[in-house]
């Protein structure tokens, strides 16, 4: 099985590429909350890449962990919608 960092990188790549199957495979309670150098999590990236179907999936499954999370300039993921 993959470690958290490896799964995080694979999740970020899946979000950027719009691969919902891989997002479902690699997303879990830990990987969706890991942040990149800009303090953005998977939901931030899905919104920035305009992957609405991935945004819906992440919010449906991980709303409690993600909805109030902010990036390095205090933008919430939902403020991009």
PDB file of N, CA and C in Angstrom:
ATOM      1  N   UNK A   1       0.828  -1.178   0.000  1.00  0.00           N
ATOM      2  CA  UNK A   1       0.000   0.000   0.000  1.00  0.00           C
ATOM      3  C   UNK A   1       0.875   1.245   0.000  1.00  0.00           C
ATOM      4  N   UNK A   2       0.333   2.340  -0.483  1.00  0.00           N
ATOM      5  CA  UNK A   2       1.069   3.595  -0.558  1.00  0.00           C
ATOM      6  C   UNK A   2       1.083   4.315   0.781  1.00  0.00           C
ATOM      7  N   UNK A   3       2.184   5.072   1.020  1.00  0.00           N
ATOM      8  CA  UNK A   3       2.240   5.950   2.181  1.00  0.00           C
ATOM      9  C   UNK A   3       1.428   7.203   1.912  1.00  0.00           C
ATOM     10  N   UNK A   4       1.216   7.997   2.939  1.00  0.00           N
ATOM     11  CA  UNK A   4       0.388   9.195   2.810  1.00  0.00           C
ATOM     12  C   UNK A   4       0.956  10.175   1.794  1.00  0.00           C
ATOM     13  N   UNK A   5       2.267  10.406   1.798  1.00  0.00           N
ATOM     14  CA  UNK A   5       2.861  11.358   0.850  1.00  0.00           C
ATOM     15  C   UNK A   5       2.690  10.898  -0.597  1.00  0.00           C
ATOM     16  N   UNK A   6       2.899   9.619  -0.839  1.00  0.00           N
ATOM     17  CA  UNK A   6       2.740   9.080  -2.197  1.00  0.00           C
ATOM     18  C   UNK A   6       1.283   9.197  -2.635  1.00  0.00           C
ATOM     19  N   UNK A   7       0.358   8.809  -1.756  1.00  0.00           N
ATOM     20  CA  UNK A   7      -1.063   8.915  -2.088  1.00  0.00           C
ATOM     21  C   UNK A   7      -1.466  10.371  -2.308  1.00  0.00           C
ATOM     22  N   UNK A   8      -0.886  11.273  -1.524  1.00  0.00           N
ATOM     23  CA  UNK A   8      -1.169  12.698  -1.694  1.00  0.00           C
ATOM     24  C   UNK A   8      -0.747  13.171  -3.087  1.00  0.00           C
ATOM     25  N   UNK A   9       0.458  12.810  -3.493  1.00  0.00           N
ATOM     26  CA  UNK A   9       0.932  13.216  -4.824  1.00  0.00           C
ATOM     27  C   UNK A   9       0.060  12.627  -5.928  1.00  0.00           C
ATOM     28  N   UNK A  10      -0.323  11.367  -5.773  1.00  0.00           N
ATOM     29  CA  UNK A  10      -1.193  10.733  -6.769  1.00  0.00           C
ATOM     30  C   UNK A  10      -2.576  11.385  -6.784  1.00  0.00           C
ATOM     31  N   UNK A  11      -3.084  11.753  -5.609  1.00  0.00           N
ATOM     32  CA  UNK A  11      -4.365  12.444  -5.528  1.00  0.00           C
ATOM     33  C   UNK A  11      -4.290  13.800  -6.215  1.00  0.00           C
ATOM     34  N   UNK A  12      -3.252  14.560  -5.941  1.00  0.00           N
ATOM     35  CA  UNK A  12      -3.103  15.880  -6.566  1.00  0.00           C
ATOM     36  C   UNK A  12      -3.013  15.768  -8.084  1.00  0.00           C
ATOM     37  N   UNK A  13      -2.307  14.773  -8.562  1.00  0.00           N
ATOM     38  CA  UNK A  13      -2.196  14.545 -10.006  1.00  0.00           C
ATOM     39  C   UNK A  13      -3.557  14.169 -10.593  1.00  0.00           C
ATOM     40  N   UNK A  14      -4.314  13.336  -9.879  1.00  0.00           N
ATOM     41  CA  UNK A  14      -5.640  12.935 -10.341  1.00  0.00           C
ATOM     42  C   UNK A  14      -6.592  14.124 -10.389  1.00  0.00           C
ATOM     43  N   UNK A  15      -6.525  14.997  -9.387  1.00  0.00           N
ATOM     44  CA  UNK A  15      -7.368  16.197  -9.372  1.00  0.00           C
ATOM     45  C   UNK A  15      -7.021  17.090 -10.555  1.00  0.00           C
ATOM     46  N   UNK A  16      -5.752  17.353 -10.763  1.00  0.00           N
ATOM     47  CA  UNK A  16      -5.322  18.223 -11.860  1.00  0.00           C
ATOM     48  C   UNK A  16      -5.718  17.640 -13.218  1.00  0.00           C
ATOM     49  N   UNK A  17      -5.644  16.320 -13.348  1.00  0.00           N
ATOM     50  CA  UNK A  17      -5.979  15.666 -14.605  1.00  0.00           C
ATOM     51  C   UNK A  17      -7.455  15.369 -14.779  1.00  0.00           C
ATOM     52  N   UNK A  18      -8.246  15.600 -13.737  1.00  0.00           N
ATOM     53  CA  UNK A  18      -9.675  15.355 -13.838  1.00  0.00           C
ATOM     54  C   UNK A  18     -10.051  13.887 -13.823  1.00  0.00           C
ATOM     55  N   UNK A  19      -9.248  13.055 -13.173  1.00  0.00           N
ATOM     56  CA  UNK A  19      -9.481  11.618 -13.140  1.00  0.00           C
ATOM     57  C   UNK A  19     -10.248  11.242 -11.871  1.00  0.00           C
ATOM     58  N   UNK A  20     -11.565  11.178 -11.977  1.00  0.00           N
ATOM     59  CA  UNK A  20     -12.414  10.916 -10.818  1.00  0.00           C
ATOM     60  C   UNK A  20     -12.171   9.536 -10.221  1.00  0.00           C
ATOM     61  N   UNK A  21     -11.904   8.543 -11.049  1.00  0.00           N
ATOM     62  CA  UNK A  21     -11.619   7.202 -10.539  1.00  0.00           C
ATOM     63  C   UNK A  21     -10.404   7.185  -9.629  1.00  0.00           C
ATOM     64  N   UNK A  22      -9.341   7.866 -10.032  1.00  0.00           N
ATOM     65  CA  UNK A  22      -8.146   7.939  -9.197  1.00  0.00           C
ATOM     66  C   UNK A  22      -8.371   8.803  -7.961  1.00  0.00           C
ATOM     67  N   UNK A  23      -9.179   9.842  -8.086  1.00  0.00           N
ATOM     68  CA  UNK A  23      -9.502  10.655  -6.911  1.00  0.00           C
ATOM     69  C   UNK A  23     -10.186   9.771  -5.874  1.00  0.00           C
ATOM     70  N   UNK A  24     -11.127   8.966  -6.308  1.00  0.00           N
ATOM     71  CA  UNK A  24     -11.812   8.050  -5.379  1.00  0.00           C
ATOM     72  C   UNK A  24     -10.837   7.038  -4.784  1.00  0.00           C
ATOM     73  N   UNK A  25      -9.884   6.585  -5.576  1.00  0.00           N
ATOM     74  CA  UNK A  25      -8.917   5.590  -5.113  1.00  0.00           C
ATOM     75  C   UNK A  25      -7.963   6.162  -4.068  1.00  0.00           C
ATOM     76  N   UNK A  26      -7.483   7.377  -4.262  1.00  0.00           N
ATOM     77  CA  UNK A  26      -6.430   7.921  -3.404  1.00  0.00           C
ATOM     78  C   UNK A  26      -6.933   8.851  -2.298  1.00  0.00           C
ATOM     79  N   UNK A  27      -8.162   9.311  -2.383  1.00  0.00           N
ATOM     80  CA  UNK A  27      -8.684  10.211  -1.354  1.00  0.00           C
ATOM     81  C   UNK A  27      -9.051   9.426  -0.099  1.00  0.00           C
ATOM     82  N   UNK A  28      -8.603   9.923   1.020  1.00  0.00           N
ATOM     83  CA  UNK A  28      -9.015   9.403   2.318  1.00  0.00           C
ATOM     84  C   UNK A  28      -8.942  10.551   3.317  1.00  0.00           C
ATOM     85  N   UNK A  29      -9.271  10.271   4.568  1.00  0.00           N
ATOM     86  CA  UNK A  29      -9.312  11.349   5.570  1.00  0.00           C
ATOM     87  C   UNK A  29      -7.990  12.089   5.715  1.00  0.00           C
ATOM     88  N   UNK A  30      -6.893  11.420   5.472  1.00  0.00           N
ATOM     89  CA  UNK A  30      -5.583  12.067   5.624  1.00  0.00           C
ATOM     90  C   UNK A  30      -5.151  12.800   4.360  1.00  0.00           C
ATOM     91  N   UNK A  31      -5.277  12.158   3.200  1.00  0.00           N
ATOM     92  CA  UNK A  31      -4.743  12.765   1.975  1.00  0.00           C
ATOM     93  C   UNK A  31      -5.520  13.997   1.531  1.00  0.00           C
ATOM     94  N   UNK A  32      -6.818  14.067   1.822  1.00  0.00           N
ATOM     95  CA  UNK A  32      -7.575  15.242   1.376  1.00  0.00           C
ATOM     96  C   UNK A  32      -7.237  16.495   2.170  1.00  0.00           C
ATOM     97  N   UNK A  33      -6.644  16.332   3.337  1.00  0.00           N
ATOM     98  CA  UNK A  33      -6.310  17.498   4.155  1.00  0.00           C
ATOM     99  C   UNK A  33      -4.846  17.914   4.056  1.00  0.00           C
ATOM    100  N   UNK A  34      -4.016  17.125   3.388  1.00  0.00           N
ATOM    101  CA  UNK A  34      -2.614  17.506   3.194  1.00  0.00           C
ATOM    102  C   UNK A  34      -2.575  18.719   2.272  1.00  0.00           C
ATOM    103  N   UNK A  35      -1.692  19.671   2.588  1.00  0.00           N
ATOM    104  CA  UNK A  35      -1.612  20.908   1.808  1.00  0.00           C
ATOM    105  C   UNK A  35      -0.303  20.990   1.029  1.00  0.00           C
ATOM    106  N   UNK A  36      -0.370  21.669  -0.113  1.00  0.00           N
ATOM    107  CA  UNK A  36       0.832  21.891  -0.916  1.00  0.00           C
ATOM    108  C   UNK A  36       1.577  23.128  -0.406  1.00  0.00           C
ATOM    109  N   UNK A  37       2.597  23.580  -1.143  1.00  0.00           N
ATOM    110  CA  UNK A  37       3.397  24.728  -0.702  1.00  0.00           C
ATOM    111  C   UNK A  37       2.591  26.025  -0.618  1.00  0.00           C
ATOM    112  N   UNK A  38       1.447  26.084  -1.294  1.00  0.00           N
ATOM    113  CA  UNK A  38       0.571  27.248  -1.216  1.00  0.00           C
ATOM    114  C   UNK A  38      -0.537  27.065  -0.198  1.00  0.00           C
ATOM    115  N   UNK A  39      -0.411  26.029   0.616  1.00  0.00           N
ATOM    116  CA  UNK A  39      -1.384  25.693   1.661  1.00  0.00           C
ATOM    117  C   UNK A  39      -2.748  25.327   1.083  1.00  0.00           C
ATOM    118  N   UNK A  40      -2.750  24.759  -0.127  1.00  0.00           N
ATOM    119  CA  UNK A  40      -3.990  24.340  -0.774  1.00  0.00           C
ATOM    120  C   UNK A  40      -4.153  22.823  -0.644  1.00  0.00           C
ATOM    121  N   UNK A  41      -5.365  22.401  -0.305  1.00  0.00           N
ATOM    122  CA  UNK A  41      -5.646  20.977  -0.228  1.00  0.00           C
ATOM    123  C   UNK A  41      -6.282  20.509  -1.542  1.00  0.00           C
ATOM    124  N   UNK A  42      -6.752  19.286  -1.557  1.00  0.00           N
ATOM    125  CA  UNK A  42      -7.321  18.715  -2.781  1.00  0.00           C
ATOM    126  C   UNK A  42      -8.552  19.493  -3.257  1.00  0.00           C
ATOM    127  N   UNK A  43      -9.368  19.952  -2.329  1.00  0.00           N
ATOM    128  CA  UNK A  43     -10.550  20.717  -2.726  1.00  0.00           C
ATOM    129  C   UNK A  43     -10.170  22.055  -3.352  1.00  0.00           C
ATOM    130  N   UNK A  44      -9.194  22.749  -2.773  1.00  0.00           N
ATOM    131  CA  UNK A  44      -8.705  23.993  -3.389  1.00  0.00           C
ATOM    132  C   UNK A  44      -8.270  23.739  -4.828  1.00  0.00           C
ATOM    133  N   UNK A  45      -7.487  22.686  -5.027  1.00  0.00           N
ATOM    134  CA  UNK A  45      -6.976  22.394  -6.372  1.00  0.00           C
ATOM    135  C   UNK A  45      -8.095  22.029  -7.336  1.00  0.00           C
ATOM    136  N   UNK A  46      -9.076  21.277  -6.870  1.00  0.00           N
ATOM    137  CA  UNK A  46     -10.205  20.919  -7.737  1.00  0.00           C
ATOM    138  C   UNK A  46     -10.963  22.167  -8.182  1.00  0.00           C
ATOM    139  N   UNK A  47     -11.131  23.109  -7.267  1.00  0.00           N
ATOM    140  CA  UNK A  47     -11.809  24.360  -7.612  1.00  0.00           C
ATOM    141  C   UNK A  47     -10.951  25.171  -8.581  1.00  0.00           C
ATOM    142  N   UNK A  48      -9.667  25.279  -8.311  1.00  0.00           N
ATOM    143  CA  UNK A  48      -8.779  26.059  -9.189  1.00  0.00           C
ATOM    144  C   UNK A  48      -8.698  25.491 -10.596  1.00  0.00           C
ATOM    145  N   UNK A  49      -8.752  24.164 -10.710  1.00  0.00           N
ATOM    146  CA  UNK A  49      -8.716  23.511 -12.022  1.00  0.00           C
ATOM    147  C   UNK A  49     -10.109  23.358 -12.633  1.00  0.00           C
ATOM    148  N   UNK A  50     -11.133  23.896 -11.957  1.00  0.00           N
ATOM    149  CA  UNK A  50     -12.516  23.871 -12.426  1.00  0.00           C
ATOM    150  C   UNK A  50     -13.021  22.457 -12.675  1.00  0.00           C
ATOM    151  N   UNK A  51     -12.732  21.563 -11.742  1.00  0.00           N
ATOM    152  CA  UNK A  51     -13.180  20.165 -11.821  1.00  0.00           C
ATOM    153  C   UNK A  51     -14.411  20.007 -10.929  1.00  0.00           C
ATOM    154  N   UNK A  52     -15.550  20.491 -11.410  1.00  0.00           N
ATOM    155  CA  UNK A  52     -16.770  20.503 -10.598  1.00  0.00           C
ATOM    156  C   UNK A  52     -17.185  19.114 -10.133  1.00  0.00           C
ATOM    157  N   UNK A  53     -17.026  18.117 -10.969  1.00  0.00           N
ATOM    158  CA  UNK A  53     -17.413  16.759 -10.585  1.00  0.00           C
ATOM    159  C   UNK A  53     -16.526  16.244  -9.459  1.00  0.00           C
ATOM    160  N   UNK A  54     -15.277  16.670  -9.419  1.00  0.00           N
ATOM    161  CA  UNK A  54     -14.382  16.283  -8.322  1.00  0.00           C
ATOM    162  C   UNK A  54     -14.712  17.096  -7.076  1.00  0.00           C
ATOM    163  N   UNK A  55     -15.021  18.372  -7.256  1.00  0.00           N
ATOM    164  CA  UNK A  55     -15.454  19.199  -6.119  1.00  0.00           C
ATOM    165  C   UNK A  55     -16.668  18.553  -5.462  1.00  0.00           C
ATOM    166  N   UNK A  56     -17.648  18.155  -6.256  1.00  0.00           N
ATOM    167  CA  UNK A  56     -18.855  17.522  -5.714  1.00  0.00           C
ATOM    168  C   UNK A  56     -18.510  16.250  -4.950  1.00  0.00           C
ATOM    169  N   UNK A  57     -17.633  15.431  -5.491  1.00  0.00           N
ATOM    170  CA  UNK A  57     -17.231  14.180  -4.839  1.00  0.00           C
ATOM    171  C   UNK A  57     -16.530  14.451  -3.510  1.00  0.00           C
ATOM    172  N   UNK A  58     -15.592  15.385  -3.511  1.00  0.00           N
ATOM    173  CA  UNK A  58     -14.857  15.688  -2.282  1.00  0.00           C
ATOM    174  C   UNK A  58     -15.755  16.293  -1.208  1.00  0.00           C
ATOM    175  N   UNK A  59     -16.633  17.193  -1.603  1.00  0.00           N
ATOM    176  CA  UNK A  59     -17.543  17.808  -0.632  1.00  0.00           C
ATOM    177  C   UNK A  59     -18.516  16.766  -0.088  1.00  0.00           C
ATOM    178  N   UNK A  60     -19.010  15.902  -0.959  1.00  0.00           N
ATOM    179  CA  UNK A  60     -19.950  14.872  -0.525  1.00  0.00           C
ATOM    180  C   UNK A  60     -19.332  13.945   0.521  1.00  0.00           C
ATOM    181  N   UNK A  61     -18.066  13.576   0.332  1.00  0.00           N
ATOM    182  CA  UNK A  61     -17.442  12.601   1.221  1.00  0.00           C
ATOM    183  C   UNK A  61     -16.634  13.207   2.364  1.00  0.00           C
ATOM    184  N   UNK A  62     -16.064  14.405   2.154  1.00  0.00           N
ATOM    185  CA  UNK A  62     -15.123  14.953   3.141  1.00  0.00           C
ATOM    186  C   UNK A  62     -15.453  16.383   3.544  1.00  0.00           C
ATOM    187  N   UNK A  63     -16.702  16.743   3.557  1.00  0.00           N
ATOM    188  CA  UNK A  63     -17.099  18.125   3.844  1.00  0.00           C
ATOM    189  C   UNK A  63     -16.577  18.619   5.185  1.00  0.00           C
ATOM    190  N   UNK A  64     -16.700  17.809   6.217  1.00  0.00           N
ATOM    191  CA  UNK A  64     -16.275  18.252   7.549  1.00  0.00           C
ATOM    192  C   UNK A  64     -14.792  18.592   7.600  1.00  0.00           C
ATOM    193  N   UNK A  65     -13.964  17.814   6.906  1.00  0.00           N
ATOM    194  CA  UNK A  65     -12.527  18.049   6.932  1.00  0.00           C
ATOM    195  C   UNK A  65     -12.118  19.242   6.067  1.00  0.00           C
ATOM    196  N   UNK A  66     -12.864  19.535   5.015  1.00  0.00           N
ATOM    197  CA  UNK A  66     -12.387  20.480   4.006  1.00  0.00           C
ATOM    198  C   UNK A  66     -13.074  21.837   3.968  1.00  0.00           C
ATOM    199  N   UNK A  67     -14.299  21.921   4.370  1.00  0.00           N
ATOM    200  CA  UNK A  67     -15.108  23.091   4.046  1.00  0.00           C
ATOM    201  C   UNK A  67     -14.574  24.402   4.624  1.00  0.00           C
ATOM    202  N   UNK A  68     -13.975  24.386   5.787  1.00  0.00           N
ATOM    203  CA  UNK A  68     -13.458  25.624   6.384  1.00  0.00           C
ATOM    204  C   UNK A  68     -11.947  25.752   6.301  1.00  0.00           C
ATOM    205  N   UNK A  69     -11.307  24.895   5.549  1.00  0.00           N
ATOM    206  CA  UNK A  69      -9.859  24.938   5.416  1.00  0.00           C
ATOM    207  C   UNK A  69      -9.451  26.117   4.537  1.00  0.00           C
ATOM    208  N   UNK A  70      -8.365  26.790   4.890  1.00  0.00           N
ATOM    209  CA  UNK A  70      -7.924  27.959   4.135  1.00  0.00           C
ATOM    210  C   UNK A  70      -6.541  27.745   3.535  1.00  0.00           C
ATOM    211  N   UNK A  71      -6.249  28.524   2.483  1.00  0.00           N
ATOM    212  CA  UNK A  71      -4.903  28.493   1.901  1.00  0.00           C
ATOM    213  C   UNK A  71      -4.034  29.541   2.594  1.00  0.00           C
ATOM    214  N   UNK A  72      -2.855  29.823   2.048  1.00  0.00           N
ATOM    215  CA  UNK A  72      -1.911  30.708   2.738  1.00  0.00           C
ATOM    216  C   UNK A  72      -2.345  32.158   2.816  1.00  0.00           C
ATOM    217  N   UNK A  73      -3.319  32.577   2.013  1.00  0.00           N
ATOM    218  CA  UNK A  73      -3.842  33.939   2.117  1.00  0.00           C
ATOM    219  C   UNK A  73      -5.263  33.942   2.682  1.00  0.00           C
ATOM    220  N   UNK A  74      -5.592  32.882   3.381  1.00  0.00           N
ATOM    221  CA  UNK A  74      -6.871  32.732   4.087  1.00  0.00           C
ATOM    222  C   UNK A  74      -8.090  32.629   3.175  1.00  0.00           C
ATOM    223  N   UNK A  75      -7.902  32.184   1.941  1.00  0.00           N
ATOM    224  CA  UNK A  75      -9.036  31.899   1.067  1.00  0.00           C
ATOM    225  C   UNK A  75      -9.572  30.520   1.401  1.00  0.00           C
ATOM    226  N   UNK A  76     -10.864  30.423   1.585  1.00  0.00           N
ATOM    227  CA  UNK A  76     -11.498  29.127   1.758  1.00  0.00           C
ATOM    228  C   UNK A  76     -11.775  28.537   0.400  1.00  0.00           C
ATOM    229  N   UNK A  77     -11.798  27.227   0.329  1.00  0.00           N
ATOM    230  CA  UNK A  77     -12.094  26.553  -0.940  1.00  0.00           C
ATOM    231  C   UNK A  77     -13.410  27.018  -1.517  1.00  0.00           C
ATOM    232  N   UNK A  78     -14.408  27.172  -0.668  1.00  0.00           N
ATOM    233  CA  UNK A  78     -15.740  27.554  -1.157  1.00  0.00           C
ATOM    234  C   UNK A  78     -15.777  29.001  -1.650  1.00  0.00           C
ATOM    235  N   UNK A  79     -14.803  29.824  -1.276  1.00  0.00           N
ATOM    236  CA  UNK A  79     -14.801  31.204  -1.753  1.00  0.00           C
ATOM    237  C   UNK A  79     -14.436  31.286  -3.236  1.00  0.00           C
ATOM    238  N   UNK A  80     -13.856  30.205  -3.793  1.00  0.00           N
ATOM    239  CA  UNK A  80     -13.510  30.176  -5.208  1.00  0.00           C
ATOM    240  C   UNK A  80     -14.694  29.790  -6.082  1.00  0.00           C
ATOM    241  N   UNK A  81     -15.730  29.205  -5.482  1.00  0.00           N
ATOM    242  CA  UNK A  81     -16.865  28.720  -6.268  1.00  0.00           C
ATOM    243  C   UNK A  81     -17.719  29.825  -6.809  1.00  0.00           C
TER     244      UNK A  81
END
